[in-house]
């Protein structure tokens, strides 16, 4: 069985273009998360707030973010993408959050093969309402859980590149040492 985090290549055009693994489709209010042991998805929760994901949400394979999870990515596309689908994406920006006191980067990307989004190169070029929706979602989605999330303004592609490179390096170093994966409950 292929593991969606360890066995899928992030692609040959890294760090600007990559293969993303989608966990949550646009419009969904279920929070799926990678089960690190199996590579499958586990339903974490139904969002407490009356919100839904404003973009296809997933991760870049073979990356390890500061939170010890694969690096998060939001892939803008005109259609919802089924969970565990691989999608070719291009980075257009970075959104950084402080979630429960921890730094949490979100790569903003567009689907390379979607004619509606493929021409975008920078997040600032996206419609302002779309940018506002992405940011507002993360400001609101944990509010009814009693958790506070601070969300910075979107940063350009050049700010996202080192975050992706660091996550690739962190993963590579951790893979050499071995992943200590505890069985899921």
N, C-alpha and C. Protein backbone atom coordinates (compact mmCIF):
# COMPACT_ATOMS: atom_id res chain seq x y z
N UNK A 1 0.84 -1.19 0.00
CA UNK A 1 0.00 0.00 0.00
C UNK A 1 0.89 1.25 0.00
N UNK A 2 0.53 2.23 -0.78
CA UNK A 2 1.27 3.48 -0.86
C UNK A 2 0.87 4.39 0.30
N UNK A 3 1.86 4.99 0.93
CA UNK A 3 1.62 5.94 2.02
C UNK A 3 1.62 7.34 1.42
N UNK A 4 0.54 8.09 1.62
CA UNK A 4 0.38 9.39 0.97
C UNK A 4 1.39 10.44 1.41
N UNK A 5 2.01 10.27 2.54
CA UNK A 5 3.01 11.24 3.01
C UNK A 5 4.42 10.82 2.59
N UNK A 6 4.74 9.55 2.78
CA UNK A 6 6.11 9.09 2.58
C UNK A 6 6.41 8.59 1.16
N UNK A 7 5.42 8.04 0.46
CA UNK A 7 5.67 7.37 -0.81
C UNK A 7 5.32 8.19 -2.04
N UNK A 8 4.67 9.32 -1.87
CA UNK A 8 4.31 10.17 -3.01
C UNK A 8 5.39 11.23 -3.18
N UNK A 9 5.88 11.37 -4.38
CA UNK A 9 6.92 12.36 -4.66
C UNK A 9 6.30 13.76 -4.66
N UNK A 10 7.00 14.72 -4.06
CA UNK A 10 6.49 16.09 -4.13
C UNK A 10 6.67 16.71 -5.51
N UNK A 11 7.40 16.05 -6.39
CA UNK A 11 7.56 16.54 -7.76
C UNK A 11 8.98 16.98 -8.05
N UNK A 12 9.21 17.28 -9.32
CA UNK A 12 10.56 17.62 -9.78
C UNK A 12 10.75 19.12 -9.99
N UNK A 13 9.72 19.89 -9.78
CA UNK A 13 9.83 21.35 -9.96
C UNK A 13 9.78 22.09 -8.62
N UNK A 14 10.07 21.35 -7.57
CA UNK A 14 10.07 21.96 -6.24
C UNK A 14 11.07 23.09 -6.18
N UNK A 15 10.87 24.13 -5.43
CA UNK A 15 9.75 24.33 -4.53
C UNK A 15 8.60 25.16 -5.11
N UNK A 16 8.70 25.58 -6.36
CA UNK A 16 7.65 26.45 -6.91
C UNK A 16 6.42 25.70 -7.38
N UNK A 17 6.62 24.49 -7.91
CA UNK A 17 5.50 23.64 -8.31
C UNK A 17 5.67 22.30 -7.64
N UNK A 18 4.55 21.70 -7.26
CA UNK A 18 4.62 20.46 -6.50
C UNK A 18 3.33 19.68 -6.65
N UNK A 19 3.39 18.44 -6.22
CA UNK A 19 2.22 17.59 -6.14
C UNK A 19 1.64 17.78 -4.73
N UNK A 20 0.39 18.10 -4.63
CA UNK A 20 -0.28 18.23 -3.33
C UNK A 20 -1.24 17.07 -3.15
N UNK A 21 -1.34 16.61 -1.91
CA UNK A 21 -2.31 15.58 -1.55
C UNK A 21 -3.48 16.30 -0.88
N UNK A 22 -4.66 16.18 -1.44
CA UNK A 22 -5.83 16.87 -0.89
C UNK A 22 -6.43 16.02 0.23
N UNK A 23 -6.69 16.67 1.36
CA UNK A 23 -7.37 16.03 2.48
C UNK A 23 -8.84 16.46 2.54
N UNK A 24 -9.09 17.76 2.27
CA UNK A 24 -10.43 18.33 2.47
C UNK A 24 -10.82 19.12 1.22
N UNK A 25 -11.95 18.80 0.61
CA UNK A 25 -12.37 19.55 -0.58
C UNK A 25 -12.96 20.92 -0.22
N UNK A 26 -12.86 21.82 -1.18
CA UNK A 26 -13.52 23.13 -1.06
C UNK A 26 -14.98 22.92 -0.66
N UNK A 27 -15.48 23.72 0.25
CA UNK A 27 -16.89 23.68 0.63
C UNK A 27 -17.23 22.69 1.73
N UNK A 28 -16.26 21.96 2.22
CA UNK A 28 -16.50 20.93 3.23
C UNK A 28 -16.36 21.51 4.64
N UNK A 29 -17.12 20.99 5.59
CA UNK A 29 -16.95 21.39 6.99
C UNK A 29 -16.52 20.21 7.86
N UNK A 30 -16.07 19.15 7.22
CA UNK A 30 -15.43 18.04 7.94
C UNK A 30 -13.94 18.29 7.95
N UNK A 31 -13.30 18.06 9.09
CA UNK A 31 -11.85 18.21 9.20
C UNK A 31 -11.22 16.83 9.15
N UNK A 32 -10.65 16.50 7.98
CA UNK A 32 -9.91 15.26 7.82
C UNK A 32 -8.44 15.55 8.09
N UNK A 33 -7.74 14.57 8.65
CA UNK A 33 -6.31 14.70 8.87
C UNK A 33 -5.62 13.41 8.47
N UNK A 34 -4.39 13.55 8.03
CA UNK A 34 -3.58 12.41 7.69
C UNK A 34 -3.37 11.53 8.92
N UNK A 35 -3.63 10.25 8.79
CA UNK A 35 -3.26 9.29 9.81
C UNK A 35 -1.82 8.91 9.49
N UNK A 36 -0.89 9.36 10.31
CA UNK A 36 0.53 9.22 9.99
C UNK A 36 0.98 7.76 9.92
N UNK A 37 0.32 6.89 10.63
CA UNK A 37 0.72 5.48 10.61
C UNK A 37 0.34 4.80 9.30
N UNK A 38 -0.88 5.04 8.81
CA UNK A 38 -1.37 4.31 7.64
C UNK A 38 -1.26 5.08 6.33
N UNK A 39 -1.22 6.42 6.39
CA UNK A 39 -1.25 7.22 5.17
C UNK A 39 -2.65 7.48 4.67
N UNK A 40 -3.65 6.97 5.39
CA UNK A 40 -5.05 7.22 5.05
C UNK A 40 -5.51 8.49 5.75
N UNK A 41 -6.77 8.84 5.54
CA UNK A 41 -7.33 10.01 6.21
C UNK A 41 -8.23 9.57 7.35
N UNK A 42 -8.20 10.34 8.40
CA UNK A 42 -9.06 10.10 9.56
C UNK A 42 -9.91 11.35 9.75
N UNK A 43 -11.21 11.16 10.02
CA UNK A 43 -12.05 12.32 10.30
C UNK A 43 -11.71 12.79 11.72
N UNK A 44 -11.19 14.00 11.80
CA UNK A 44 -10.80 14.58 13.08
C UNK A 44 -12.01 15.15 13.81
N UNK A 45 -12.81 15.92 13.08
CA UNK A 45 -13.99 16.55 13.69
C UNK A 45 -14.84 17.22 12.60
N UNK A 46 -16.03 17.59 13.00
CA UNK A 46 -16.85 18.48 12.19
C UNK A 46 -16.62 19.87 12.76
N UNK A 47 -16.38 20.83 11.90
CA UNK A 47 -16.08 22.18 12.38
C UNK A 47 -17.21 22.70 13.25
N UNK A 48 -16.85 23.35 14.33
CA UNK A 48 -17.83 23.86 15.29
C UNK A 48 -18.55 25.09 14.76
N UNK A 49 -17.85 25.90 13.97
CA UNK A 49 -18.41 27.14 13.45
C UNK A 49 -19.15 26.88 12.15
N UNK A 50 -20.03 27.79 11.79
CA UNK A 50 -20.81 27.67 10.56
C UNK A 50 -19.98 28.17 9.39
N UNK A 51 -18.87 27.47 9.15
CA UNK A 51 -17.95 27.82 8.06
C UNK A 51 -17.60 26.55 7.28
N UNK A 52 -17.01 26.74 6.13
CA UNK A 52 -16.54 25.61 5.33
C UNK A 52 -15.21 26.00 4.69
N UNK A 53 -14.43 25.00 4.33
CA UNK A 53 -13.11 25.27 3.75
C UNK A 53 -13.24 26.04 2.44
N UNK A 54 -12.54 27.18 2.33
CA UNK A 54 -12.67 28.04 1.15
C UNK A 54 -11.77 27.63 -0.02
N UNK A 55 -11.01 26.56 0.14
CA UNK A 55 -10.13 26.05 -0.92
C UNK A 55 -9.89 24.58 -0.63
N UNK A 56 -9.41 23.86 -1.60
CA UNK A 56 -9.00 22.48 -1.38
C UNK A 56 -7.79 22.50 -0.45
N UNK A 57 -7.85 21.72 0.62
CA UNK A 57 -6.86 21.79 1.68
C UNK A 57 -6.13 20.46 1.79
N UNK A 58 -4.83 20.51 1.90
CA UNK A 58 -4.07 19.28 2.02
C UNK A 58 -2.65 19.54 2.46
N UNK A 59 -1.74 18.75 1.90
CA UNK A 59 -0.34 18.87 2.30
C UNK A 59 0.58 18.53 1.14
N UNK A 60 1.84 18.95 1.31
CA UNK A 60 2.88 18.61 0.34
C UNK A 60 3.58 17.37 0.87
N UNK A 61 3.59 16.28 0.09
CA UNK A 61 4.23 15.06 0.57
C UNK A 61 5.73 15.26 0.81
N UNK A 62 6.26 14.43 1.69
CA UNK A 62 7.68 14.44 2.03
C UNK A 62 8.15 15.80 2.54
N UNK A 63 7.26 16.47 3.28
CA UNK A 63 7.63 17.69 3.99
C UNK A 63 7.28 17.50 5.46
N UNK A 64 7.95 18.25 6.31
CA UNK A 64 7.68 18.23 7.74
C UNK A 64 7.72 19.67 8.24
N UNK A 65 6.57 20.17 8.65
CA UNK A 65 6.44 21.55 9.12
C UNK A 65 6.85 21.66 10.59
N UNK A 66 6.86 22.88 11.09
CA UNK A 66 7.23 23.14 12.48
C UNK A 66 6.33 22.43 13.48
N UNK A 67 5.09 22.11 13.07
CA UNK A 67 4.14 21.45 13.98
C UNK A 67 4.24 19.92 13.93
N UNK A 68 5.29 19.40 13.28
CA UNK A 68 5.53 17.96 13.14
C UNK A 68 4.49 17.24 12.28
N UNK A 69 3.81 17.98 11.43
CA UNK A 69 2.89 17.45 10.43
C UNK A 69 3.43 17.82 9.06
N UNK A 70 2.92 17.19 8.00
CA UNK A 70 3.30 17.64 6.66
C UNK A 70 2.89 19.11 6.48
N UNK A 71 3.59 19.81 5.60
CA UNK A 71 3.33 21.23 5.35
C UNK A 71 1.97 21.41 4.70
N UNK A 72 1.14 22.26 5.30
CA UNK A 72 -0.22 22.52 4.82
C UNK A 72 -0.21 23.34 3.54
N UNK A 73 -1.19 23.05 2.68
CA UNK A 73 -1.35 23.80 1.45
C UNK A 73 -2.84 23.97 1.16
N UNK A 74 -3.19 25.17 0.71
CA UNK A 74 -4.54 25.45 0.19
C UNK A 74 -4.39 25.60 -1.31
N UNK A 75 -5.11 24.75 -2.05
CA UNK A 75 -5.01 24.78 -3.52
C UNK A 75 -6.31 25.35 -4.08
N UNK A 76 -6.18 26.52 -4.69
CA UNK A 76 -7.34 27.16 -5.31
C UNK A 76 -7.60 26.51 -6.66
N UNK A 77 -8.87 26.18 -6.84
CA UNK A 77 -9.31 25.44 -8.02
C UNK A 77 -10.81 25.69 -8.13
N UNK A 78 -11.35 25.69 -9.33
CA UNK A 78 -12.77 26.00 -9.47
C UNK A 78 -13.70 24.87 -9.04
N UNK A 79 -13.16 23.70 -8.74
CA UNK A 79 -13.98 22.56 -8.32
C UNK A 79 -13.46 21.96 -7.02
N UNK A 80 -14.35 21.38 -6.20
CA UNK A 80 -13.88 20.62 -5.05
C UNK A 80 -13.13 19.37 -5.53
N UNK A 81 -12.05 19.05 -4.87
CA UNK A 81 -11.22 17.89 -5.24
C UNK A 81 -11.38 16.83 -4.15
N UNK A 82 -11.64 15.59 -4.58
CA UNK A 82 -11.87 14.50 -3.63
C UNK A 82 -10.66 14.26 -2.73
N UNK A 83 -10.90 13.87 -1.48
CA UNK A 83 -9.80 13.54 -0.57
C UNK A 83 -8.90 12.44 -1.14
N UNK A 84 -7.61 12.59 -0.87
CA UNK A 84 -6.52 11.71 -1.31
C UNK A 84 -6.26 11.79 -2.81
N UNK A 85 -6.76 12.84 -3.45
CA UNK A 85 -6.43 13.10 -4.85
C UNK A 85 -5.11 13.87 -4.90
N UNK A 86 -4.28 13.52 -5.87
CA UNK A 86 -3.04 14.25 -6.11
C UNK A 86 -3.32 15.35 -7.12
N UNK A 87 -2.84 16.55 -6.84
CA UNK A 87 -3.09 17.68 -7.74
C UNK A 87 -1.80 18.46 -7.93
N UNK A 88 -1.49 18.79 -9.18
CA UNK A 88 -0.32 19.60 -9.47
C UNK A 88 -0.63 21.05 -9.12
N UNK A 89 0.23 21.64 -8.31
CA UNK A 89 -0.04 22.98 -7.80
C UNK A 89 1.20 23.87 -7.93
N UNK A 90 0.96 25.17 -7.95
CA UNK A 90 2.04 26.16 -7.98
C UNK A 90 1.83 27.13 -6.82
N UNK A 91 2.88 27.38 -6.09
CA UNK A 91 2.80 28.30 -4.96
C UNK A 91 2.58 29.72 -5.47
N UNK A 92 1.67 30.45 -4.79
CA UNK A 92 1.45 31.87 -5.10
C UNK A 92 1.58 32.74 -3.84
N UNK A 93 1.74 32.11 -2.69
CA UNK A 93 1.88 32.92 -1.48
C UNK A 93 1.95 32.08 -0.23
N UNK A 94 1.98 32.79 0.89
CA UNK A 94 2.11 32.18 2.20
C UNK A 94 1.20 32.92 3.17
N UNK A 95 0.50 32.15 4.00
CA UNK A 95 -0.28 32.72 5.09
C UNK A 95 0.22 32.06 6.37
N UNK A 96 0.65 32.87 7.31
CA UNK A 96 1.18 32.35 8.56
C UNK A 96 0.21 32.66 9.68
N UNK A 97 0.01 31.66 10.54
CA UNK A 97 -0.92 31.79 11.66
C UNK A 97 -0.20 31.45 12.95
N UNK A 98 -0.77 31.92 14.03
CA UNK A 98 -0.41 31.43 15.36
C UNK A 98 -1.66 30.71 15.84
N UNK A 99 -1.56 29.39 15.95
CA UNK A 99 -2.70 28.54 16.32
C UNK A 99 -2.36 27.86 17.65
N UNK A 100 -3.12 28.21 18.69
CA UNK A 100 -2.87 27.68 20.04
C UNK A 100 -1.42 27.92 20.47
N UNK A 101 -0.91 29.11 20.12
CA UNK A 101 0.43 29.52 20.53
C UNK A 101 1.54 28.99 19.65
N UNK A 102 1.21 28.22 18.60
CA UNK A 102 2.23 27.64 17.73
C UNK A 102 2.17 28.24 16.33
N UNK A 103 3.35 28.43 15.74
CA UNK A 103 3.46 28.90 14.37
C UNK A 103 2.91 27.84 13.42
N UNK A 104 2.08 28.25 12.47
CA UNK A 104 1.45 27.32 11.53
C UNK A 104 1.39 27.97 10.16
N UNK A 105 2.27 27.54 9.25
CA UNK A 105 2.32 28.08 7.90
C UNK A 105 1.32 27.37 7.00
N UNK A 106 0.69 28.14 6.13
CA UNK A 106 -0.20 27.61 5.09
C UNK A 106 0.33 28.12 3.75
N UNK A 107 0.70 27.20 2.88
CA UNK A 107 1.12 27.57 1.54
C UNK A 107 -0.15 27.82 0.73
N UNK A 108 -0.18 28.94 0.02
CA UNK A 108 -1.31 29.25 -0.86
C UNK A 108 -0.85 28.89 -2.28
N UNK A 109 -1.65 28.08 -2.97
CA UNK A 109 -1.27 27.59 -4.29
C UNK A 109 -2.48 27.60 -5.22
N UNK A 110 -2.19 27.46 -6.50
CA UNK A 110 -3.25 27.32 -7.51
C UNK A 110 -3.04 26.01 -8.24
N UNK A 111 -4.12 25.44 -8.73
CA UNK A 111 -4.05 24.22 -9.53
C UNK A 111 -3.48 24.56 -10.90
N UNK A 112 -2.38 23.93 -11.25
CA UNK A 112 -1.69 24.20 -12.51
C UNK A 112 -2.57 23.87 -13.70
N UNK A 113 -3.41 22.85 -13.58
CA UNK A 113 -4.23 22.40 -14.71
C UNK A 113 -5.66 22.94 -14.69
N UNK A 114 -5.89 24.01 -13.94
CA UNK A 114 -7.20 24.65 -13.90
C UNK A 114 -7.10 25.98 -14.65
N UNK A 115 -7.76 26.09 -15.81
CA UNK A 115 -7.61 27.31 -16.61
C UNK A 115 -8.07 28.58 -15.90
N UNK A 116 -8.94 28.45 -14.91
CA UNK A 116 -9.40 29.65 -14.19
C UNK A 116 -8.33 30.20 -13.25
N UNK A 117 -7.48 29.34 -12.73
CA UNK A 117 -6.48 29.77 -11.75
C UNK A 117 -5.03 29.66 -12.23
N UNK A 118 -4.77 28.93 -13.29
CA UNK A 118 -3.39 28.60 -13.67
C UNK A 118 -2.54 29.82 -14.04
N UNK A 119 -3.14 30.92 -14.39
CA UNK A 119 -2.34 32.09 -14.77
C UNK A 119 -1.85 32.91 -13.57
N UNK A 120 -2.39 32.65 -12.38
CA UNK A 120 -1.97 33.41 -11.20
C UNK A 120 -0.57 33.01 -10.76
N UNK A 121 0.25 34.01 -10.46
CA UNK A 121 1.63 33.79 -10.01
C UNK A 121 1.85 34.28 -8.58
N UNK A 122 1.00 35.20 -8.12
CA UNK A 122 1.12 35.78 -6.78
C UNK A 122 -0.26 35.90 -6.15
N UNK A 123 -0.32 35.70 -4.85
CA UNK A 123 -1.59 35.80 -4.12
C UNK A 123 -2.21 37.18 -4.26
N UNK A 124 -1.39 38.20 -4.34
CA UNK A 124 -1.90 39.57 -4.45
C UNK A 124 -2.71 39.76 -5.73
N UNK A 125 -2.47 38.91 -6.73
CA UNK A 125 -3.21 39.01 -8.00
C UNK A 125 -4.57 38.34 -7.93
N UNK A 126 -4.81 37.52 -6.91
CA UNK A 126 -6.12 36.90 -6.74
C UNK A 126 -7.15 37.97 -6.41
N UNK A 127 -8.42 37.72 -6.71
CA UNK A 127 -9.44 38.70 -6.31
C UNK A 127 -9.37 38.96 -4.80
N UNK A 128 -9.50 40.22 -4.42
CA UNK A 128 -9.35 40.58 -3.00
C UNK A 128 -10.37 39.85 -2.13
N UNK A 129 -11.56 39.61 -2.65
CA UNK A 129 -12.57 38.90 -1.86
C UNK A 129 -12.10 37.46 -1.58
N UNK A 130 -11.49 36.82 -2.55
CA UNK A 130 -10.98 35.45 -2.35
C UNK A 130 -9.90 35.45 -1.27
N UNK A 131 -8.98 36.41 -1.32
CA UNK A 131 -7.93 36.51 -0.30
C UNK A 131 -8.54 36.74 1.08
N UNK A 132 -9.54 37.62 1.14
CA UNK A 132 -10.19 37.92 2.42
C UNK A 132 -10.91 36.69 2.97
N UNK A 133 -11.54 35.91 2.09
CA UNK A 133 -12.24 34.69 2.54
C UNK A 133 -11.26 33.68 3.12
N UNK A 134 -10.12 33.50 2.47
CA UNK A 134 -9.11 32.55 2.97
C UNK A 134 -8.66 32.96 4.37
N UNK A 135 -8.32 34.20 4.53
CA UNK A 135 -7.84 34.69 5.83
C UNK A 135 -8.93 34.61 6.90
N UNK A 136 -10.13 35.04 6.53
CA UNK A 136 -11.24 35.08 7.50
C UNK A 136 -11.61 33.67 7.98
N UNK A 137 -11.56 32.70 7.08
CA UNK A 137 -11.86 31.33 7.47
C UNK A 137 -10.99 30.92 8.64
N UNK A 138 -9.69 31.14 8.54
CA UNK A 138 -8.79 30.72 9.61
C UNK A 138 -8.92 31.57 10.87
N UNK A 139 -9.40 32.79 10.73
CA UNK A 139 -9.66 33.61 11.92
C UNK A 139 -10.88 33.09 12.67
N UNK A 140 -11.84 32.52 11.96
CA UNK A 140 -13.13 32.15 12.55
C UNK A 140 -13.30 30.67 12.89
N UNK A 141 -12.61 29.77 12.20
CA UNK A 141 -13.02 28.36 12.22
C UNK A 141 -12.89 27.67 13.57
N UNK A 142 -12.08 28.19 14.48
CA UNK A 142 -11.96 27.56 15.80
C UNK A 142 -12.58 28.39 16.92
N UNK A 143 -13.24 29.47 16.56
CA UNK A 143 -13.78 30.38 17.55
C UNK A 143 -14.76 29.71 18.50
N UNK A 144 -15.70 28.91 17.99
CA UNK A 144 -16.68 28.26 18.86
C UNK A 144 -16.08 27.11 19.66
N UNK A 145 -14.85 26.74 19.38
CA UNK A 145 -14.13 25.75 20.20
C UNK A 145 -13.43 26.45 21.36
N UNK A 146 -13.53 27.78 21.39
CA UNK A 146 -12.87 28.55 22.44
C UNK A 146 -11.39 28.72 22.21
N UNK A 147 -10.94 28.55 20.98
CA UNK A 147 -9.52 28.69 20.65
C UNK A 147 -9.30 29.97 19.85
N UNK A 148 -8.15 30.57 20.05
CA UNK A 148 -7.80 31.80 19.35
C UNK A 148 -6.77 31.50 18.28
N UNK A 149 -6.99 32.05 17.11
CA UNK A 149 -6.06 31.91 16.00
C UNK A 149 -5.76 33.31 15.47
N UNK A 150 -4.48 33.65 15.39
CA UNK A 150 -4.06 34.91 14.79
C UNK A 150 -3.56 34.62 13.39
N UNK A 151 -4.01 35.40 12.42
CA UNK A 151 -3.66 35.16 11.02
C UNK A 151 -3.02 36.41 10.44
N UNK A 152 -1.79 36.26 9.95
CA UNK A 152 -1.09 37.37 9.31
C UNK A 152 -1.64 37.61 7.91
N UNK A 153 -1.28 38.75 7.34
CA UNK A 153 -1.61 39.05 5.95
C UNK A 153 -0.87 38.06 5.05
N UNK A 154 -1.40 37.82 3.86
CA UNK A 154 -0.73 36.93 2.92
C UNK A 154 0.58 37.54 2.46
N UNK A 155 1.56 36.67 2.35
CA UNK A 155 2.89 37.06 1.90
C UNK A 155 3.11 36.56 0.47
N UNK A 156 4.05 37.17 -0.25
CA UNK A 156 4.29 36.76 -1.64
C UNK A 156 4.99 35.40 -1.74
N UNK A 157 5.06 34.90 -2.95
CA UNK A 157 5.69 33.62 -3.24
C UNK A 157 7.09 33.53 -2.66
N UNK A 158 7.86 34.60 -2.80
CA UNK A 158 9.25 34.57 -2.33
C UNK A 158 9.37 34.28 -0.84
N UNK A 159 8.33 34.55 -0.07
CA UNK A 159 8.34 34.24 1.37
C UNK A 159 7.97 32.78 1.61
N UNK A 160 7.22 32.19 0.68
CA UNK A 160 6.80 30.79 0.83
C UNK A 160 7.91 29.81 0.46
N UNK A 161 8.76 30.19 -0.47
CA UNK A 161 9.81 29.28 -0.97
C UNK A 161 10.70 28.76 0.17
N UNK A 162 11.25 29.64 1.04
CA UNK A 162 12.09 29.10 2.12
C UNK A 162 11.33 28.21 3.10
N UNK A 163 10.05 28.46 3.30
CA UNK A 163 9.23 27.62 4.19
C UNK A 163 9.12 26.22 3.60
N UNK A 164 8.89 26.14 2.29
CA UNK A 164 8.80 24.84 1.62
C UNK A 164 10.15 24.13 1.67
N UNK A 165 11.22 24.87 1.36
CA UNK A 165 12.56 24.25 1.37
C UNK A 165 12.93 23.73 2.76
N UNK A 166 12.62 24.50 3.79
CA UNK A 166 12.91 24.06 5.17
C UNK A 166 12.10 22.81 5.53
N UNK A 167 10.83 22.76 5.09
CA UNK A 167 9.99 21.59 5.38
C UNK A 167 10.49 20.35 4.64
N UNK A 168 10.99 20.51 3.43
CA UNK A 168 11.59 19.40 2.70
C UNK A 168 12.84 18.90 3.41
N UNK A 169 13.69 19.83 3.85
CA UNK A 169 14.92 19.48 4.56
C UNK A 169 14.62 18.80 5.89
N UNK A 170 13.66 19.34 6.63
CA UNK A 170 13.29 18.77 7.94
C UNK A 170 12.79 17.34 7.76
N UNK A 171 11.97 17.13 6.73
CA UNK A 171 11.47 15.78 6.46
C UNK A 171 12.62 14.83 6.14
N UNK A 172 13.51 15.27 5.26
CA UNK A 172 14.63 14.43 4.85
C UNK A 172 15.49 14.04 6.05
N UNK A 173 15.77 14.99 6.93
CA UNK A 173 16.55 14.70 8.14
C UNK A 173 15.81 13.74 9.06
N UNK A 174 14.51 13.95 9.23
CA UNK A 174 13.72 13.08 10.10
C UNK A 174 13.60 11.68 9.52
N UNK A 175 13.48 11.59 8.22
CA UNK A 175 13.36 10.26 7.58
C UNK A 175 14.65 9.45 7.78
N UNK A 176 15.80 10.13 7.72
CA UNK A 176 17.07 9.44 7.98
C UNK A 176 17.13 8.91 9.41
N UNK A 177 16.60 9.68 10.36
CA UNK A 177 16.59 9.26 11.77
C UNK A 177 15.49 8.25 12.04
N UNK A 178 14.44 8.31 11.25
CA UNK A 178 13.28 7.43 11.45
C UNK A 178 12.14 8.17 12.12
N UNK A 179 10.95 7.89 11.65
CA UNK A 179 9.75 8.49 12.22
C UNK A 179 9.25 7.61 13.36
N UNK A 180 8.99 8.22 14.48
CA UNK A 180 8.42 7.51 15.64
C UNK A 180 6.91 7.66 15.56
N UNK A 181 6.26 6.73 14.90
CA UNK A 181 4.80 6.82 14.69
C UNK A 181 4.10 5.95 15.69
N UNK A 182 3.25 6.58 16.48
CA UNK A 182 2.45 5.83 17.46
C UNK A 182 1.19 5.33 16.78
N UNK A 183 0.73 4.13 17.13
CA UNK A 183 -0.51 3.63 16.54
C UNK A 183 -1.68 4.56 16.83
N UNK A 184 -2.56 4.73 15.84
CA UNK A 184 -3.74 5.57 16.01
C UNK A 184 -4.75 4.86 16.89
N UNK A 185 -5.51 5.66 17.61
CA UNK A 185 -6.54 5.05 18.47
C UNK A 185 -7.83 4.81 17.73
